[in-house]
């Protein structure tokens, strides 16, 4: 083996060792990405894109948004620079954020998702979460959530989150139906021949009690 062959062999061994030693970096990156489920990350990307468009419209020359080609990639967070985000930018974005379909202000669930998306943005870019985000923004989010729940409860804001209120008349009907299906000894004796897979009316009292407890809890809370 001549000198050149020896040098080539040594370089090959060094490169192999570096490759093995650097495997942990790729593993660490995969673990860091796995902290957020794919479904959640997909939701976060929609908020990142909306924040990117918002920054281009209102804060294009502040350094908070890159105006290069990287704006078209979710991997680069659509050009958002988390380290340059200010309290004014984040507050204005959350307060003016609307639902994409109806154009109505986002509800409590959407607000929580937007906050989580911003936290994930800071984490992905390895930027420490700003103090204002932990204090003023958190207080703002709590106030927005409470106010919008109160507005929905008073009928000032349309509830289009895919949920419907349980009317009192329907609640009475459910309770009456459950009470009428309470099993008695005579009725239970007549049910002995029923198939094992059929419904058992002995559960009706427990279902009735559960409905009453849920109704009372819902009447006491603004978030239901």
Protein backbone atom coordinates (compact mmCIF):
# COMPACT_ATOMS: atom_id res chain seq x y z
CA UNK A 1 0.00 0.00 0.00
CA UNK A 2 1.58 3.27 -1.11
CA UNK A 3 1.34 6.59 0.67
CA UNK A 4 -1.65 7.84 -1.34
CA UNK A 5 -3.65 4.68 -0.66
CA UNK A 6 -2.88 4.94 3.05
CA UNK A 7 -4.01 8.56 3.16
CA UNK A 8 -7.23 7.69 1.32
CA UNK A 9 -7.91 4.83 3.74
CA UNK A 10 -7.33 7.08 6.75
CA UNK A 11 -9.65 9.77 5.34
CA UNK A 12 -12.34 7.17 4.68
CA UNK A 13 -12.09 5.86 8.25
CA UNK A 14 -12.25 9.40 9.67
CA UNK A 15 -15.33 10.24 7.56
CA UNK A 16 -17.03 7.02 8.69
CA UNK A 17 -16.29 7.79 12.32
CA UNK A 18 -17.65 11.34 11.94
CA UNK A 19 -20.79 9.96 10.32
CA UNK A 20 -21.34 7.57 13.21
CA UNK A 21 -20.61 10.28 15.77
CA UNK A 22 -23.06 12.68 14.11
CA UNK A 23 -25.97 10.24 14.03
CA UNK A 24 -27.11 11.55 17.40
CA UNK A 25 -27.70 14.98 15.87
CA UNK A 26 -30.23 13.58 13.41
CA UNK A 27 -31.86 11.55 16.19
CA UNK A 28 -32.12 14.65 18.39
CA UNK A 29 -33.75 16.60 15.55
CA UNK A 30 -36.28 13.83 14.96
CA UNK A 31 -37.11 13.65 18.69
CA UNK A 32 -37.55 17.43 18.83
CA UNK A 33 -39.93 17.33 15.88
CA UNK A 34 -41.86 14.39 17.34
CA UNK A 35 -42.86 16.48 20.37
CA UNK A 36 -45.71 17.85 18.22
CA UNK A 37 -48.11 15.43 16.56
CA UNK A 38 -48.58 15.65 12.82
CA UNK A 39 -52.21 16.70 13.23
CA UNK A 40 -51.26 19.54 15.58
CA UNK A 41 -48.37 20.60 13.35
CA UNK A 42 -50.74 20.77 10.38
CA UNK A 43 -52.99 23.11 12.38
CA UNK A 44 -50.01 25.20 13.48
CA UNK A 45 -48.92 25.63 9.86
CA UNK A 46 -52.23 27.32 9.03
CA UNK A 47 -51.66 29.84 11.82
CA UNK A 48 -48.03 30.37 10.76
CA UNK A 49 -49.18 31.11 7.22
CA UNK A 50 -51.79 33.57 8.46
CA UNK A 51 -49.24 35.25 10.73
CA UNK A 52 -46.82 35.45 7.80
CA UNK A 53 -49.42 37.20 5.63
CA UNK A 54 -50.32 39.48 8.55
CA UNK A 55 -46.68 40.52 9.04
CA UNK A 56 -46.21 41.19 5.33
CA UNK A 57 -49.26 43.42 5.35
CA UNK A 58 -48.53 45.38 8.53
CA UNK A 59 -44.88 44.89 9.50
CA UNK A 60 -43.03 44.14 6.26
CA UNK A 61 -39.91 46.20 7.05
CA UNK A 62 -39.42 45.33 10.71
CA UNK A 63 -37.31 42.20 10.32
CA UNK A 64 -40.08 40.01 11.68
CA UNK A 65 -40.76 38.54 8.24
CA UNK A 66 -38.43 37.50 5.44
CA UNK A 67 -39.55 38.65 2.01
CA UNK A 68 -37.48 36.04 0.14
CA UNK A 69 -38.56 32.75 -1.41
CA UNK A 70 -38.57 31.04 1.99
CA UNK A 71 -42.01 32.55 2.63
CA UNK A 72 -43.44 29.75 0.50
CA UNK A 73 -42.16 26.96 2.73
CA UNK A 74 -43.73 25.67 5.94
CA UNK A 75 -40.34 24.26 6.95
CA UNK A 76 -39.05 27.82 7.27
CA UNK A 77 -42.26 28.92 9.01
CA UNK A 78 -43.21 30.97 5.94
CA UNK A 79 -40.37 33.40 6.60
CA UNK A 80 -41.41 34.38 10.14
CA UNK A 81 -38.53 35.44 12.38
CA UNK A 82 -39.71 34.56 15.89
CA UNK A 83 -36.90 36.48 17.56
CA UNK A 84 -38.13 39.75 16.03
CA UNK A 85 -41.76 39.43 17.10
CA UNK A 86 -42.88 42.16 19.48
CA UNK A 87 -45.75 42.44 21.94
CA UNK A 88 -47.57 44.81 19.59
CA UNK A 89 -47.33 42.36 16.67
CA UNK A 90 -48.55 39.35 18.63
CA UNK A 91 -51.34 41.28 20.38
CA UNK A 92 -52.63 42.80 17.15
CA UNK A 93 -52.51 39.43 15.39
CA UNK A 94 -54.51 37.64 18.09
CA UNK A 95 -57.07 40.42 18.56
CA UNK A 96 -57.80 40.76 14.84
CA UNK A 97 -57.66 37.04 14.00
CA UNK A 98 -60.85 35.88 12.30
CA UNK A 99 -62.27 32.51 11.38
CA UNK A 100 -61.32 31.67 7.82
CA UNK A 101 -64.82 30.57 6.76
CA UNK A 102 -67.28 32.83 8.55
CA UNK A 103 -65.05 35.84 9.18
CA UNK A 104 -66.20 35.97 12.81
CA UNK A 105 -63.70 36.43 15.67
CA UNK A 106 -62.03 33.18 16.62
CA UNK A 107 -63.49 31.36 19.61
CA UNK A 108 -61.73 30.08 22.73
CA UNK A 109 -60.54 26.90 20.98
CA UNK A 110 -59.10 28.84 18.06
CA UNK A 111 -57.41 31.28 20.40
CA UNK A 112 -55.78 28.43 22.33
CA UNK A 113 -54.58 26.87 19.07
CA UNK A 114 -53.11 30.19 17.91
CA UNK A 115 -51.19 30.56 21.17
CA UNK A 116 -49.90 26.98 20.93
CA UNK A 117 -48.81 27.63 17.34
CA UNK A 118 -46.82 30.67 18.47
CA UNK A 119 -45.16 28.69 21.26
CA UNK A 120 -44.25 25.95 18.77
CA UNK A 121 -42.79 28.63 16.49
CA UNK A 122 -40.49 29.87 19.26
CA UNK A 123 -39.46 26.30 20.09
CA UNK A 124 -38.79 25.32 16.46
CA UNK A 125 -36.55 28.33 15.94
CA UNK A 126 -34.86 27.79 19.31
CA UNK A 127 -35.89 31.22 20.52
CA UNK A 128 -36.76 31.74 24.17
CA UNK A 129 -40.41 32.61 24.71
CA UNK A 130 -40.60 36.31 25.38
CA UNK A 131 -41.60 37.52 28.83
CA UNK A 132 -44.53 39.50 27.41
CA UNK A 133 -45.90 36.29 25.91
CA UNK A 134 -45.96 34.63 29.34
CA UNK A 135 -47.53 37.63 31.07
CA UNK A 136 -49.46 40.22 29.04
CA UNK A 137 -50.37 37.90 26.16
CA UNK A 138 -51.53 35.14 28.51
CA UNK A 139 -53.67 37.62 30.45
CA UNK A 140 -55.04 39.02 27.19
CA UNK A 141 -55.93 35.52 25.97
CA UNK A 142 -57.75 34.72 29.22
CA UNK A 143 -59.71 37.95 29.01
CA UNK A 144 -60.60 37.39 25.34
CA UNK A 145 -61.75 33.85 26.08
CA UNK A 146 -63.95 34.92 29.01
CA UNK A 147 -65.44 37.87 27.09
CA UNK A 148 -66.34 35.80 24.04
CA UNK A 149 -67.86 33.05 26.15
CA UNK A 150 -69.98 35.66 27.92
CA UNK A 151 -71.06 37.14 24.58
CA UNK A 152 -72.06 33.71 23.31
CA UNK A 153 -73.98 33.02 26.51
CA UNK A 154 -75.86 36.32 26.16
CA UNK A 155 -76.51 35.74 22.47
CA UNK A 156 -74.40 38.72 21.36
CA UNK A 157 -72.12 36.48 19.33
CA UNK A 158 -73.19 33.67 17.04
CA UNK A 159 -71.97 30.25 18.09
CA UNK A 160 -70.83 28.45 14.94
CA UNK A 161 -68.29 26.10 16.49
CA UNK A 162 -70.37 23.04 15.60
CA UNK A 163 -71.98 22.85 19.05
CA UNK A 164 -75.62 23.31 20.00
CA UNK A 165 -77.08 24.20 23.37
CA UNK A 166 -79.22 21.59 25.10
CA UNK A 167 -82.65 23.15 25.45
CA UNK A 168 -84.39 22.75 28.80
CA UNK A 169 -87.38 21.07 27.12
CA UNK A 170 -85.07 18.44 25.62
CA UNK A 171 -83.43 17.94 29.01
CA UNK A 172 -86.87 17.31 30.60
CA UNK A 173 -87.73 14.86 27.85
CA UNK A 174 -84.50 12.91 28.37
CA UNK A 175 -85.05 12.70 32.13
CA UNK A 176 -88.69 11.57 31.66
CA UNK A 177 -87.63 8.93 29.16
CA UNK A 178 -84.93 7.58 31.46
CA UNK A 179 -87.25 7.50 34.48
CA UNK A 180 -89.93 5.65 32.50
CA UNK A 181 -87.37 2.99 31.62
CA UNK A 182 -86.32 2.23 35.19
CA UNK A 183 -86.38 -1.51 35.71
CA UNK A 184 -88.88 -2.93 38.22
CA UNK A 185 -88.81 -6.49 39.67
CA UNK A 186 -91.71 -7.53 37.42
CA UNK A 187 -90.15 -5.97 34.37
CA UNK A 188 -86.75 -7.43 35.20
CA UNK A 189 -88.33 -10.91 35.49
CA UNK A 190 -89.81 -10.51 32.04
CA UNK A 191 -86.40 -9.59 30.63
CA UNK A 192 -84.62 -12.79 31.67
CA UNK A 193 -85.15 -14.32 28.29
CA UNK A 194 -83.69 -11.39 26.39
CA UNK A 195 -80.49 -11.80 24.46
CA UNK A 196 -77.28 -10.95 26.23
CA UNK A 197 -76.54 -8.20 23.70
CA UNK A 198 -79.78 -6.27 24.31
CA UNK A 199 -79.95 -3.06 26.32
CA UNK A 200 -80.40 -3.24 30.07
CA UNK A 201 -82.86 -0.75 31.58
CA UNK A 202 -81.23 -1.09 35.00
CA UNK A 203 -78.70 1.50 33.81
CA UNK A 204 -81.43 4.13 33.36
CA UNK A 205 -81.29 5.48 36.96
CA UNK A 206 -77.54 6.03 36.68
CA UNK A 207 -77.91 7.70 33.29
CA UNK A 208 -80.65 9.90 34.72
CA UNK A 209 -78.48 10.93 37.66
CA UNK A 210 -75.54 11.60 35.32
CA UNK A 211 -77.73 13.84 33.15
CA UNK A 212 -78.89 15.84 36.18
CA UNK A 213 -75.34 16.35 37.41
CA UNK A 214 -74.13 17.43 33.95
CA UNK A 215 -77.03 19.85 33.57
CA UNK A 216 -76.28 21.49 36.91
CA UNK A 217 -72.60 21.80 36.06
CA UNK A 218 -73.40 23.33 32.67
CA UNK A 219 -75.72 25.87 34.25
CA UNK A 220 -72.96 27.01 36.59
CA UNK A 221 -70.21 27.43 33.98
CA UNK A 222 -69.72 29.87 31.09
CA UNK A 223 -67.42 27.51 29.18
CA UNK A 224 -70.05 24.86 28.36
